[in-house]
Amino acid sequence: MDILDKYELKEWWNTALTPAQRDQISRDYQPMGYPSGARYLYAKLVGKSYCETDKCCFLDVLACVAKDDAKDIIRDKTEQAVKEALSQPRKNYKDIHLALTGLIKHHYRLRQNPAHYNKAKELCLLQISISRQAASAFKKPPKPHGMNMKKFEELLGHTPVGYDTPQMMPSHLGYKQLAIILEKEGELESALELTEKALKQGWTNDSDKCITKLTVKLDKRK
């Protein structure tokens, strides 16, 4: 079983993409530490994987590696995977959050097209809708894989360092990008409300500076 089988993507891979597109992506997809020249996408998976991300982020990375029309094909599949992941009873919020960041960047980059502009706003709102759960997932202290903390402590002979420390939060593009969009559309109050919410949840978005800027603009409007 390779990684495409693991994520149940083999049929889609073989039908949605041309042989040339598959060849380019499988050649250029090179995870860190994997032997140069070997094609990871077709390599047999060995042992357990302890990666914190999942199918959505995997597709997002493939889209970054792909060229030309293949990018759009994989972006569409990524969005589909995100919606499927959100419908599952157990959700990997880190995986979904990070994949949505890639999708928002993609569509906002093409914002001159109204369809992409509106899609970027839609995806920002979707990412914001899971922001509380994603924040909880990102803040959670890491745990040793494959064993409980008590066993890990016994193995080390002392209390492990760093495993009880809340993690630093990443940025939240959904909040940041939508606030910028709302500001440009003249919706300063809504932009300020969003930015304050991002700050309260702990996302590292330079929210303090944005709040100051928006407050000054609102004061001038009075």
N, C-alpha and C. Protein backbone atom coordinates (compact mmCIF):
# COMPACT_ATOMS: atom_id res chain seq x y z
N MET A 1 0.84 -1.22 0.00
CA MET A 1 0.00 0.00 0.00
C MET A 1 0.87 1.25 0.00
N ASP A 2 0.63 2.16 -0.96
CA ASP A 2 1.35 3.43 -0.96
C ASP A 2 0.45 4.52 -0.39
N ILE A 3 0.94 5.74 -0.36
CA ILE A 3 0.19 6.82 0.28
C ILE A 3 -1.10 7.17 -0.46
N LEU A 4 -1.11 6.97 -1.78
CA LEU A 4 -2.34 7.20 -2.55
C LEU A 4 -3.41 6.19 -2.18
N ASP A 5 -2.99 4.94 -1.95
CA ASP A 5 -3.93 3.92 -1.48
C ASP A 5 -4.44 4.27 -0.08
N LYS A 6 -3.52 4.69 0.77
CA LYS A 6 -3.88 5.00 2.16
C LYS A 6 -5.00 6.03 2.23
N TYR A 7 -4.92 7.06 1.39
CA TYR A 7 -5.92 8.11 1.41
C TYR A 7 -7.05 7.88 0.40
N GLU A 8 -7.10 6.67 -0.17
CA GLU A 8 -8.15 6.28 -1.13
C GLU A 8 -8.23 7.27 -2.30
N LEU A 9 -7.04 7.57 -2.83
CA LEU A 9 -6.93 8.54 -3.93
C LEU A 9 -6.46 7.91 -5.24
N LYS A 10 -6.18 6.61 -5.23
CA LYS A 10 -5.56 5.99 -6.41
C LYS A 10 -6.45 6.08 -7.66
N GLU A 11 -7.73 5.79 -7.52
CA GLU A 11 -8.62 5.85 -8.67
C GLU A 11 -8.71 7.27 -9.21
N TRP A 12 -8.89 8.24 -8.29
CA TRP A 12 -8.93 9.65 -8.71
C TRP A 12 -7.62 10.04 -9.40
N TRP A 13 -6.50 9.66 -8.82
CA TRP A 13 -5.17 9.97 -9.36
C TRP A 13 -5.02 9.47 -10.80
N ASN A 14 -5.50 8.25 -11.04
CA ASN A 14 -5.33 7.63 -12.35
C ASN A 14 -6.33 8.11 -13.40
N THR A 15 -7.42 8.73 -12.97
CA THR A 15 -8.44 9.16 -13.92
C THR A 15 -8.52 10.68 -14.10
N ALA A 16 -8.26 11.43 -13.03
CA ALA A 16 -8.39 12.90 -13.10
C ALA A 16 -7.18 13.57 -13.74
N LEU A 17 -6.02 12.93 -13.61
CA LEU A 17 -4.77 13.52 -14.10
C LEU A 17 -4.22 12.73 -15.29
N THR A 18 -3.57 13.43 -16.21
CA THR A 18 -2.98 12.77 -17.37
C THR A 18 -1.69 12.05 -16.97
N PRO A 19 -1.22 11.11 -17.79
CA PRO A 19 0.06 10.46 -17.49
C PRO A 19 1.20 11.45 -17.31
N ALA A 20 1.22 12.50 -18.14
CA ALA A 20 2.29 13.51 -18.03
C ALA A 20 2.19 14.27 -16.72
N GLN A 21 0.96 14.60 -16.29
CA GLN A 21 0.77 15.32 -15.02
C GLN A 21 1.19 14.43 -13.84
N ARG A 22 0.80 13.17 -13.89
CA ARG A 22 1.17 12.24 -12.81
C ARG A 22 2.69 12.08 -12.75
N ASP A 23 3.32 12.02 -13.90
CA ASP A 23 4.77 11.86 -13.95
C ASP A 23 5.47 13.07 -13.33
N GLN A 24 5.01 14.28 -13.69
CA GLN A 24 5.63 15.51 -13.16
C GLN A 24 5.46 15.61 -11.64
N ILE A 25 4.26 15.33 -11.16
CA ILE A 25 3.99 15.47 -9.72
C ILE A 25 4.76 14.41 -8.93
N SER A 26 4.72 13.17 -9.38
CA SER A 26 5.40 12.09 -8.64
C SER A 26 6.91 12.28 -8.67
N ARG A 27 7.42 12.92 -9.71
CA ARG A 27 8.86 13.20 -9.79
C ARG A 27 9.26 14.33 -8.85
N ASP A 28 8.42 15.37 -8.77
CA ASP A 28 8.78 16.57 -8.01
C ASP A 28 8.34 16.53 -6.55
N TYR A 29 7.44 15.62 -6.19
CA TYR A 29 7.02 15.50 -4.80
C TYR A 29 8.11 14.77 -4.03
N GLN A 30 8.81 15.49 -3.18
CA GLN A 30 9.98 14.93 -2.50
C GLN A 30 9.97 15.31 -1.02
N PRO A 31 9.35 14.48 -0.17
CA PRO A 31 9.35 14.78 1.27
C PRO A 31 10.77 14.89 1.81
N MET A 32 10.93 15.73 2.82
CA MET A 32 12.25 15.93 3.43
C MET A 32 12.81 14.61 3.95
N GLY A 33 14.05 14.33 3.60
CA GLY A 33 14.71 13.12 4.08
C GLY A 33 14.52 11.90 3.21
N TYR A 34 13.63 12.01 2.20
CA TYR A 34 13.41 10.86 1.32
C TYR A 34 14.49 10.81 0.25
N PRO A 35 14.99 9.61 -0.13
CA PRO A 35 16.10 9.51 -1.09
C PRO A 35 15.82 10.24 -2.40
N SER A 36 16.76 11.02 -2.84
CA SER A 36 16.63 11.77 -4.09
C SER A 36 16.48 10.81 -5.27
N GLY A 37 15.52 11.12 -6.14
CA GLY A 37 15.31 10.28 -7.31
C GLY A 37 14.25 9.22 -7.12
N ALA A 38 13.99 8.82 -5.88
CA ALA A 38 12.95 7.82 -5.60
C ALA A 38 11.59 8.50 -5.58
N ARG A 39 10.57 7.82 -6.03
CA ARG A 39 9.22 8.41 -6.11
C ARG A 39 8.40 7.98 -4.90
N TYR A 40 8.29 8.90 -3.96
CA TYR A 40 7.63 8.62 -2.69
C TYR A 40 6.16 8.23 -2.88
N LEU A 41 5.48 8.84 -3.83
CA LEU A 41 4.06 8.60 -4.01
C LEU A 41 3.75 7.13 -4.31
N TYR A 42 4.71 6.42 -4.87
CA TYR A 42 4.47 5.02 -5.23
C TYR A 42 5.22 4.05 -4.29
N ALA A 43 5.86 4.58 -3.28
CA ALA A 43 6.64 3.73 -2.37
C ALA A 43 5.72 3.04 -1.37
N LYS A 44 6.06 1.82 -1.02
CA LYS A 44 5.28 1.07 -0.04
C LYS A 44 5.44 1.70 1.33
N LEU A 45 4.32 1.92 2.02
CA LEU A 45 4.36 2.48 3.36
C LEU A 45 4.77 1.40 4.35
N VAL A 46 5.70 1.77 5.21
CA VAL A 46 6.21 0.82 6.20
C VAL A 46 6.02 1.39 7.60
N GLY A 47 5.44 0.61 8.50
CA GLY A 47 5.28 1.05 9.89
C GLY A 47 4.18 2.08 10.05
N LYS A 48 4.05 2.57 11.29
CA LYS A 48 3.02 3.56 11.61
C LYS A 48 3.48 4.96 11.24
N SER A 49 2.51 5.78 10.85
CA SER A 49 2.81 7.20 10.60
C SER A 49 2.29 8.01 11.78
N TYR A 50 3.13 8.93 12.29
CA TYR A 50 2.71 9.77 13.42
C TYR A 50 2.55 11.23 12.99
N CYS A 51 2.32 11.42 11.71
CA CYS A 51 2.13 12.78 11.19
C CYS A 51 0.84 13.36 11.76
N GLU A 52 0.87 14.63 12.12
CA GLU A 52 -0.30 15.27 12.73
C GLU A 52 -1.31 15.74 11.69
N THR A 53 -0.90 15.79 10.42
CA THR A 53 -1.83 16.18 9.36
C THR A 53 -2.29 14.94 8.61
N ASP A 54 -3.17 15.16 7.62
CA ASP A 54 -3.82 14.00 6.99
C ASP A 54 -4.05 14.26 5.49
N LYS A 55 -5.11 13.70 4.97
CA LYS A 55 -5.40 13.72 3.53
C LYS A 55 -5.49 15.12 2.95
N CYS A 56 -6.13 16.05 3.68
CA CYS A 56 -6.35 17.40 3.14
C CYS A 56 -5.02 18.11 2.91
N CYS A 57 -4.12 18.05 3.89
CA CYS A 57 -2.82 18.69 3.74
C CYS A 57 -1.97 18.00 2.68
N PHE A 58 -2.10 16.68 2.59
CA PHE A 58 -1.39 15.93 1.55
C PHE A 58 -1.78 16.45 0.16
N LEU A 59 -3.07 16.63 -0.07
CA LEU A 59 -3.55 17.15 -1.35
C LEU A 59 -3.09 18.59 -1.57
N ASP A 60 -3.08 19.39 -0.51
CA ASP A 60 -2.62 20.77 -0.61
C ASP A 60 -1.16 20.83 -1.07
N VAL A 61 -0.34 19.94 -0.53
CA VAL A 61 1.07 19.89 -0.93
C VAL A 61 1.19 19.44 -2.39
N LEU A 62 0.39 18.45 -2.80
CA LEU A 62 0.41 18.01 -4.19
C LEU A 62 0.05 19.17 -5.13
N ALA A 63 -0.92 19.98 -4.72
CA ALA A 63 -1.32 21.13 -5.55
C ALA A 63 -0.18 22.13 -5.68
N CYS A 64 0.60 22.31 -4.62
CA CYS A 64 1.75 23.22 -4.67
C CYS A 64 2.82 22.69 -5.62
N VAL A 65 2.97 21.36 -5.65
CA VAL A 65 3.99 20.73 -6.50
C VAL A 65 3.56 20.72 -7.96
N ALA A 66 2.25 20.55 -8.19
CA ALA A 66 1.72 20.42 -9.56
C ALA A 66 1.92 21.70 -10.37
N LYS A 67 1.84 21.53 -11.68
CA LYS A 67 1.99 22.67 -12.60
C LYS A 67 0.75 22.81 -13.47
N ASP A 68 0.53 24.05 -13.92
CA ASP A 68 -0.51 24.36 -14.91
C ASP A 68 -1.88 23.84 -14.49
N ASP A 69 -2.59 23.15 -15.42
CA ASP A 69 -3.98 22.74 -15.17
C ASP A 69 -4.11 21.76 -14.01
N ALA A 70 -3.05 21.00 -13.76
CA ALA A 70 -3.11 20.01 -12.68
C ALA A 70 -3.34 20.68 -11.33
N LYS A 71 -2.83 21.91 -11.16
CA LYS A 71 -3.04 22.63 -9.90
C LYS A 71 -4.52 22.79 -9.60
N ASP A 72 -5.29 23.23 -10.61
CA ASP A 72 -6.72 23.45 -10.40
C ASP A 72 -7.46 22.15 -10.11
N ILE A 73 -7.05 21.08 -10.80
CA ILE A 73 -7.67 19.77 -10.57
C ILE A 73 -7.48 19.34 -9.11
N ILE A 74 -6.26 19.52 -8.63
CA ILE A 74 -5.96 19.09 -7.25
C ILE A 74 -6.57 20.04 -6.23
N ARG A 75 -6.62 21.34 -6.53
CA ARG A 75 -7.28 22.27 -5.61
C ARG A 75 -8.75 21.89 -5.43
N ASP A 76 -9.42 21.54 -6.53
CA ASP A 76 -10.82 21.13 -6.44
C ASP A 76 -10.97 19.88 -5.56
N LYS A 77 -10.03 18.96 -5.74
CA LYS A 77 -10.06 17.73 -4.93
C LYS A 77 -9.78 18.04 -3.46
N THR A 78 -8.91 19.00 -3.21
CA THR A 78 -8.60 19.40 -1.83
C THR A 78 -9.84 19.97 -1.15
N GLU A 79 -10.55 20.84 -1.86
CA GLU A 79 -11.77 21.42 -1.28
C GLU A 79 -12.80 20.33 -1.00
N GLN A 80 -12.92 19.38 -1.91
CA GLN A 80 -13.84 18.25 -1.70
C GLN A 80 -13.43 17.44 -0.47
N ALA A 81 -12.11 17.22 -0.32
CA ALA A 81 -11.61 16.46 0.83
C ALA A 81 -11.87 17.19 2.14
N VAL A 82 -11.74 18.52 2.12
CA VAL A 82 -12.01 19.33 3.31
C VAL A 82 -13.47 19.18 3.74
N LYS A 83 -14.38 19.27 2.77
CA LYS A 83 -15.80 19.15 3.08
C LYS A 83 -16.15 17.75 3.60
N GLU A 84 -15.49 16.74 3.01
CA GLU A 84 -15.70 15.37 3.49
C GLU A 84 -15.17 15.21 4.92
N ALA A 85 -14.00 15.80 5.19
CA ALA A 85 -13.40 15.71 6.52
C ALA A 85 -14.28 16.38 7.57
N LEU A 86 -14.91 17.48 7.19
CA LEU A 86 -15.79 18.20 8.11
C LEU A 86 -17.07 17.44 8.41
N SER A 87 -17.42 16.50 7.54
CA SER A 87 -18.65 15.72 7.74
C SER A 87 -18.41 14.48 8.60
N GLN A 88 -17.14 14.19 8.91
CA GLN A 88 -16.82 13.01 9.70
C GLN A 88 -17.03 13.26 11.19
N PRO A 89 -17.38 12.23 11.95
CA PRO A 89 -17.57 12.42 13.41
C PRO A 89 -16.29 12.81 14.12
N ARG A 90 -15.14 12.25 13.69
CA ARG A 90 -13.85 12.62 14.26
C ARG A 90 -13.10 13.45 13.23
N LYS A 91 -12.72 14.66 13.63
CA LYS A 91 -12.12 15.60 12.68
C LYS A 91 -10.69 15.95 13.08
N ASN A 92 -9.81 16.00 12.09
CA ASN A 92 -8.43 16.47 12.31
C ASN A 92 -8.41 17.96 11.98
N TYR A 93 -8.62 18.79 13.01
CA TYR A 93 -8.78 20.22 12.76
C TYR A 93 -7.48 20.88 12.29
N LYS A 94 -6.35 20.36 12.68
CA LYS A 94 -5.08 20.90 12.16
C LYS A 94 -5.01 20.70 10.66
N ASP A 95 -5.33 19.50 10.23
CA ASP A 95 -5.28 19.15 8.81
C ASP A 95 -6.23 20.03 8.00
N ILE A 96 -7.44 20.18 8.48
CA ILE A 96 -8.45 20.97 7.77
C ILE A 96 -8.06 22.44 7.74
N HIS A 97 -7.62 22.97 8.88
CA HIS A 97 -7.22 24.38 8.97
C HIS A 97 -6.10 24.70 7.99
N LEU A 98 -5.06 23.88 7.96
CA LEU A 98 -3.90 24.15 7.11
C LEU A 98 -4.23 24.02 5.63
N ALA A 99 -5.08 23.05 5.28
CA ALA A 99 -5.49 22.91 3.88
C ALA A 99 -6.33 24.10 3.44
N LEU A 100 -7.19 24.59 4.33
CA LEU A 100 -8.00 25.78 4.00
C LEU A 100 -7.11 27.01 3.80
N THR A 101 -6.03 27.12 4.54
CA THR A 101 -5.08 28.22 4.34
C THR A 101 -4.55 28.20 2.91
N GLY A 102 -4.17 27.02 2.42
CA GLY A 102 -3.69 26.89 1.04
C GLY A 102 -4.75 27.26 0.02
N LEU A 103 -5.98 26.84 0.26
CA LEU A 103 -7.07 27.15 -0.67
C LEU A 103 -7.39 28.64 -0.69
N ILE A 104 -7.39 29.28 0.48
CA ILE A 104 -7.67 30.72 0.55
C ILE A 104 -6.60 31.49 -0.23
N LYS A 105 -5.33 31.14 -0.03
CA LYS A 105 -4.24 31.80 -0.75
C LYS A 105 -4.42 31.67 -2.26
N HIS A 106 -4.77 30.46 -2.69
CA HIS A 106 -4.94 30.19 -4.12
C HIS A 106 -6.03 31.08 -4.72
N HIS A 107 -7.19 31.09 -4.10
CA HIS A 107 -8.31 31.84 -4.67
C HIS A 107 -8.13 33.35 -4.54
N TYR A 108 -7.56 33.81 -3.44
CA TYR A 108 -7.38 35.26 -3.29
C TYR A 108 -6.34 35.79 -4.27
N ARG A 109 -5.37 34.96 -4.63
CA ARG A 109 -4.36 35.34 -5.61
C ARG A 109 -5.02 35.63 -6.97
N LEU A 110 -6.18 35.00 -7.20
CA LEU A 110 -6.90 35.16 -8.47
C LEU A 110 -8.14 36.04 -8.29
N ARG A 111 -8.11 36.94 -7.32
CA ARG A 111 -9.29 37.71 -6.91
C ARG A 111 -9.84 38.65 -7.97
N GLN A 112 -9.08 38.92 -9.04
CA GLN A 112 -9.62 39.76 -10.11
C GLN A 112 -10.82 39.10 -10.77
N ASN A 113 -10.86 37.79 -10.68
CA ASN A 113 -12.02 37.03 -11.17
C ASN A 113 -13.04 36.96 -10.03
N PRO A 114 -14.26 37.50 -10.23
CA PRO A 114 -15.25 37.52 -9.14
C PRO A 114 -15.53 36.15 -8.52
N ALA A 115 -15.46 35.10 -9.33
CA ALA A 115 -15.73 33.75 -8.81
C ALA A 115 -14.67 33.36 -7.78
N HIS A 116 -13.41 33.68 -8.05
CA HIS A 116 -12.34 33.37 -7.11
C HIS A 116 -12.41 34.27 -5.88
N TYR A 117 -12.79 35.54 -6.10
CA TYR A 117 -12.91 36.49 -4.99
C TYR A 117 -13.97 36.00 -3.99
N ASN A 118 -15.12 35.59 -4.53
CA ASN A 118 -16.20 35.11 -3.67
C ASN A 118 -15.85 33.78 -3.01
N LYS A 119 -15.12 32.94 -3.75
CA LYS A 119 -14.70 31.66 -3.18
C LYS A 119 -13.73 31.88 -2.02
N ALA A 120 -12.83 32.85 -2.17
CA ALA A 120 -11.89 33.17 -1.09
C ALA A 120 -12.65 33.59 0.17
N LYS A 121 -13.67 34.43 0.00
CA LYS A 121 -14.48 34.86 1.15
C LYS A 121 -15.21 33.68 1.79
N GLU A 122 -15.74 32.82 0.95
CA GLU A 122 -16.46 31.63 1.44
C GLU A 122 -15.53 30.72 2.26
N LEU A 123 -14.32 30.54 1.76
CA LEU A 123 -13.37 29.67 2.46
C LEU A 123 -12.85 30.31 3.75
N CYS A 124 -12.72 31.64 3.74
CA CYS A 124 -12.35 32.34 4.98
C CYS A 124 -13.40 32.09 6.06
N LEU A 125 -14.66 32.21 5.67
CA LEU A 125 -15.76 31.99 6.62
C LEU A 125 -15.77 30.54 7.11
N LEU A 126 -15.46 29.62 6.21
CA LEU A 126 -15.41 28.21 6.61
C LEU A 126 -14.29 27.97 7.62
N GLN A 127 -13.13 28.56 7.36
CA GLN A 127 -12.00 28.39 8.30
C GLN A 127 -12.31 29.04 9.64
N ILE A 128 -12.97 30.19 9.61
CA ILE A 128 -13.35 30.87 10.85
C ILE A 128 -14.37 30.04 11.63
N SER A 129 -15.24 29.33 10.92
CA SER A 129 -16.29 28.54 11.59
C SER A 129 -15.72 27.40 12.45
N ILE A 130 -14.47 26.97 12.14
CA ILE A 130 -13.85 25.91 12.95
C ILE A 130 -12.67 26.47 13.76
N SER A 131 -12.59 27.79 13.89
CA SER A 131 -11.42 28.41 14.52
C SER A 131 -11.27 28.03 15.99
N ARG A 132 -12.37 27.89 16.70
CA ARG A 132 -12.29 27.54 18.12
C ARG A 132 -11.73 26.13 18.29
N GLN A 133 -12.23 25.19 17.48
CA GLN A 133 -11.74 23.81 17.56
C GLN A 133 -10.29 23.71 17.09
N ALA A 134 -9.95 24.45 16.03
CA ALA A 134 -8.57 24.43 15.53
C ALA A 134 -7.62 25.03 16.56
N ALA A 135 -8.03 26.11 17.21
CA ALA A 135 -7.19 26.73 18.24
C ALA A 135 -6.91 25.75 19.36
N SER A 136 -7.92 25.01 19.77
CA SER A 136 -7.75 24.01 20.83
C SER A 136 -6.75 22.92 20.40
N ALA A 137 -6.83 22.51 19.13
CA ALA A 137 -5.93 21.47 18.61
C ALA A 137 -4.49 21.96 18.55
N PHE A 138 -4.30 23.21 18.12
CA PHE A 138 -2.94 23.76 17.99
C PHE A 138 -2.31 24.04 19.36
N LYS A 139 -3.13 24.43 20.32
CA LYS A 139 -2.60 24.75 21.66
C LYS A 139 -2.23 23.51 22.47
N LYS A 140 -2.84 22.39 22.12
CA LYS A 140 -2.67 21.18 22.91
C LYS A 140 -1.20 20.76 22.98
N PRO A 141 -0.66 20.53 24.17
CA PRO A 141 0.73 20.09 24.29
C PRO A 141 0.96 18.78 23.55
N PRO A 142 2.13 18.58 22.95
CA PRO A 142 2.39 17.32 22.24
C PRO A 142 2.50 16.15 23.21
N LYS A 143 2.21 14.97 22.69
CA LYS A 143 2.34 13.75 23.51
C LYS A 143 3.26 12.77 22.78
N PRO A 144 4.01 11.98 23.53
CA PRO A 144 4.87 10.99 22.87
C PRO A 144 4.01 9.97 22.13
N HIS A 145 4.40 9.66 20.89
CA HIS A 145 3.61 8.72 20.09
C HIS A 145 3.88 7.28 20.53
N GLY A 146 2.82 6.50 20.59
CA GLY A 146 2.98 5.07 20.83
C GLY A 146 3.01 4.66 22.29
N MET A 147 2.97 5.60 23.21
CA MET A 147 2.95 5.24 24.63
C MET A 147 2.34 6.37 25.46
N ASN A 148 1.84 6.02 26.65
CA ASN A 148 1.26 7.05 27.50
C ASN A 148 2.38 7.80 28.25
N MET A 149 2.00 8.92 28.84
CA MET A 149 2.99 9.79 29.48
C MET A 149 3.70 9.10 30.64
N LYS A 150 2.96 8.29 31.40
CA LYS A 150 3.57 7.62 32.56
C LYS A 150 4.67 6.67 32.12
N LYS A 151 4.39 5.91 31.05
CA LYS A 151 5.37 4.96 30.52
C LYS A 151 6.58 5.71 29.97
N PHE A 152 6.31 6.82 29.31
CA PHE A 152 7.38 7.63 28.72
C PHE A 152 8.29 8.19 29.82
N GLU A 153 7.68 8.63 30.91
CA GLU A 153 8.43 9.17 32.04
C GLU A 153 9.31 8.09 32.68
N GLU A 154 8.76 6.88 32.79
CA GLU A 154 9.54 5.76 33.35
C GLU A 154 10.72 5.42 32.47
N LEU A 155 10.51 5.48 31.16
CA LEU A 155 11.57 5.17 30.20
C LEU A 155 12.71 6.19 30.28
N LEU A 156 12.33 7.46 30.43
CA LEU A 156 13.34 8.53 30.51
C LEU A 156 14.04 8.57 31.88
N GLY A 157 13.29 8.23 32.90
CA GLY A 157 13.83 8.31 34.24
C GLY A 157 13.62 9.68 34.87
N HIS A 158 12.90 10.53 34.20
CA HIS A 158 12.59 11.87 34.74
C HIS A 158 11.36 12.41 34.01
N THR A 159 10.83 13.50 34.52
CA THR A 159 9.67 14.12 33.89
C THR A 159 10.08 14.74 32.55
N PRO A 160 9.43 14.38 31.45
CA PRO A 160 9.81 14.93 30.14
C PRO A 160 9.53 16.43 30.06
N VAL A 161 10.44 17.14 29.43
CA VAL A 161 10.33 18.59 29.29
C VAL A 161 9.55 18.94 28.03
N GLY A 162 8.64 19.89 28.13
CA GLY A 162 7.95 20.41 26.96
C GLY A 162 6.63 19.74 26.64
N TYR A 163 6.36 18.58 27.27
CA TYR A 163 5.14 17.85 26.95
C TYR A 163 3.93 18.34 27.73
N ASP A 164 4.12 19.30 28.61
CA ASP A 164 2.97 19.88 29.32
C ASP A 164 2.86 21.37 29.02
N THR A 165 3.55 21.82 27.97
CA THR A 165 3.57 23.24 27.63
C THR A 165 2.66 23.52 26.44
N PRO A 166 1.67 24.40 26.60
CA PRO A 166 0.83 24.75 25.45
C PRO A 166 1.68 25.29 24.29
N GLN A 167 1.29 24.93 23.07
CA GLN A 167 2.08 25.29 21.91
C GLN A 167 1.75 26.69 21.40
N MET A 168 2.72 27.29 20.68
CA MET A 168 2.49 28.61 20.09
C MET A 168 1.50 28.48 18.93
N MET A 169 0.56 29.37 18.88
CA MET A 169 -0.46 29.34 17.83
C MET A 169 0.10 29.87 16.51
N PRO A 170 -0.32 29.29 15.38
CA PRO A 170 0.07 29.85 14.09
C PRO A 170 -0.82 31.04 13.75
N SER A 171 -0.66 31.59 12.57
CA SER A 171 -1.56 32.66 12.12
C SER A 171 -2.84 32.03 11.59
N HIS A 172 -3.86 32.85 11.45
CA HIS A 172 -5.15 32.39 10.94
C HIS A 172 -5.49 33.25 9.72
N LEU A 173 -5.26 32.68 8.54
CA LEU A 173 -5.45 33.46 7.31
C LEU A 173 -6.91 33.83 7.09
N GLY A 174 -7.82 32.96 7.50
CA GLY A 174 -9.24 33.25 7.31
C GLY A 174 -9.64 34.55 7.97
N TYR A 175 -9.26 34.71 9.25
CA TYR A 175 -9.55 35.96 9.96
C TYR A 175 -8.84 37.14 9.29
N LYS A 176 -7.56 36.96 9.04
CA LYS A 176 -6.74 38.05 8.51
C LYS A 176 -7.20 38.51 7.13
N GLN A 177 -7.41 37.53 6.24
CA GLN A 177 -7.78 37.88 4.87
C GLN A 177 -9.18 38.47 4.77
N LEU A 178 -10.10 37.89 5.53
CA LEU A 178 -11.48 38.42 5.48
C LEU A 178 -11.53 39.81 6.08
N ALA A 179 -10.74 40.08 7.12
CA ALA A 179 -10.69 41.43 7.70
C ALA A 179 -10.18 42.43 6.67
N ILE A 180 -9.17 42.03 5.90
CA ILE A 180 -8.63 42.90 4.84
C ILE A 180 -9.69 43.16 3.78
N ILE A 181 -10.40 42.11 3.39
CA ILE A 181 -11.47 42.24 2.38
C ILE A 181 -12.56 43.19 2.88
N LEU A 182 -12.99 42.98 4.11
CA LEU A 182 -14.05 43.83 4.68
C LEU A 182 -13.60 45.28 4.79
N GLU A 183 -12.33 45.48 5.17
CA GLU A 183 -11.80 46.84 5.26
C GLU A 183 -11.83 47.52 3.89
N LYS A 184 -11.43 46.79 2.86
CA LYS A 184 -11.44 47.36 1.50
C LYS A 184 -12.84 47.62 1.00
N GLU A 185 -13.80 46.83 1.50
CA GLU A 185 -15.19 47.03 1.10
C GLU A 185 -15.89 48.09 1.96
N GLY A 186 -15.14 48.67 2.89
CA GLY A 186 -15.68 49.74 3.72
C GLY A 186 -16.41 49.27 4.97
N GLU A 187 -16.36 47.96 5.23
CA GLU A 187 -17.04 47.39 6.41
C GLU A 187 -16.07 47.39 7.60
N LEU A 188 -15.71 48.57 8.08
CA LEU A 188 -14.69 48.69 9.11
C LEU A 188 -15.09 48.06 10.44
N GLU A 189 -16.36 48.24 10.81
CA GLU A 189 -16.81 47.65 12.09
C GLU A 189 -16.71 46.13 12.07
N SER A 190 -17.11 45.54 10.96
CA SER A 190 -17.05 44.07 10.83
C SER A 190 -15.60 43.59 10.82
N ALA A 191 -14.74 44.34 10.14
CA ALA A 191 -13.32 43.99 10.10
C ALA A 191 -12.72 44.05 11.50
N LEU A 192 -13.10 45.08 12.27
CA LEU A 192 -12.59 45.24 13.64
C LEU A 192 -13.09 44.12 14.53
N GLU A 193 -14.35 43.77 14.39
CA GLU A 193 -14.94 42.69 15.20
C GLU A 193 -14.23 41.36 14.94
N LEU A 194 -13.95 41.07 13.68
CA LEU A 194 -13.24 39.84 13.31
C LEU A 194 -11.84 39.80 13.91
N THR A 195 -11.14 40.93 13.79
CA THR A 195 -9.77 41.01 14.27
C THR A 195 -9.70 40.85 15.78
N GLU A 196 -10.65 41.44 16.49
CA GLU A 196 -10.71 41.30 17.95
C GLU A 196 -10.99 39.85 18.35
N LYS A 197 -11.81 39.17 17.55
CA LYS A 197 -12.12 37.76 17.82
C LYS A 197 -10.87 36.89 17.63
N ALA A 198 -10.10 37.19 16.57
CA ALA A 198 -8.86 36.44 16.31
C ALA A 198 -7.87 36.62 17.46
N LEU A 199 -7.77 37.85 17.95
CA LEU A 199 -6.87 38.15 19.07
C LEU A 199 -7.29 37.41 20.32
N LYS A 200 -8.59 37.40 20.58
CA LYS A 200 -9.11 36.73 21.78
C LYS A 200 -8.83 35.23 21.74
N GLN A 201 -8.87 34.64 20.56
CA GLN A 201 -8.64 33.20 20.43
C GLN A 201 -7.14 32.85 20.46
N GLY A 202 -6.28 33.87 20.31
CA GLY A 202 -4.85 33.64 20.45
C GLY A 202 -4.07 33.43 19.17
N TRP A 203 -4.70 33.67 18.01
CA TRP A 203 -4.00 33.51 16.74
C TRP A 203 -2.95 34.60 16.55
N THR A 204 -1.79 34.25 15.99
CA THR A 204 -0.69 35.22 15.83
C THR A 204 -0.84 35.96 14.51
N ASN A 205 -1.71 36.94 14.50
CA ASN A 205 -2.05 37.66 13.27
C ASN A 205 -1.63 39.13 13.28
N ASP A 206 -0.78 39.57 14.21
CA ASP A 206 -0.51 41.00 14.38
C ASP A 206 -1.81 41.77 14.60
N SER A 207 -2.69 41.15 15.36
CA SER A 207 -4.03 41.73 15.54
C SER A 207 -4.01 43.09 16.24
N ASP A 208 -3.06 43.27 17.17
CA ASP A 208 -2.98 44.56 17.89
C ASP A 208 -2.81 45.72 16.91
N LYS A 209 -1.90 45.57 15.96
CA LYS A 209 -1.65 46.63 14.97
C LYS A 209 -2.87 46.88 14.11
N CYS A 210 -3.52 45.78 13.70
CA CYS A 210 -4.72 45.90 12.86
C CYS A 210 -5.85 46.59 13.60
N ILE A 211 -6.01 46.25 14.89
CA ILE A 211 -7.06 46.87 15.70
C ILE A 211 -6.82 48.36 15.83
N THR A 212 -5.56 48.75 16.07
CA THR A 212 -5.21 50.18 16.18
C THR A 212 -5.53 50.91 14.88
N LYS A 213 -5.12 50.31 13.75
CA LYS A 213 -5.35 50.93 12.44
C LYS A 213 -6.84 51.09 12.15
N LEU A 214 -7.62 50.04 12.42
CA LEU A 214 -9.06 50.09 12.15
C LEU A 214 -9.77 51.07 13.09
N THR A 215 -9.31 51.14 14.34
CA THR A 215 -9.91 52.07 15.31
C THR A 215 -9.68 53.52 14.87
N VAL A 216 -8.47 53.81 14.40
CA VAL A 216 -8.15 55.16 13.90
C VAL A 216 -9.04 55.50 12.71
N LYS A 217 -9.21 54.56 11.80
CA LYS A 217 -10.05 54.79 10.62
C LYS A 217 -11.50 55.05 11.01
N LEU A 218 -11.98 54.29 12.00
CA LEU A 218 -13.37 54.48 12.45
C LEU A 218 -13.55 55.82 13.14
N ASP A 219 -12.54 56.24 13.92
CA ASP A 219 -12.61 57.54 14.59
C ASP A 219 -12.66 58.68 13.57
N LYS A 220 -11.92 58.54 12.49
CA LYS A 220 -11.91 59.57 11.45
C LYS A 220 -13.25 59.65 10.73
N ARG A 221 -13.93 58.51 10.69
CA ARG A 221 -15.21 58.46 9.98
C ARG A 221 -16.31 59.18 10.76
N LYS A 222 -16.13 59.28 12.09
CA LYS A 222 -17.18 59.89 12.95
C LYS A 222 -17.28 61.39 12.71
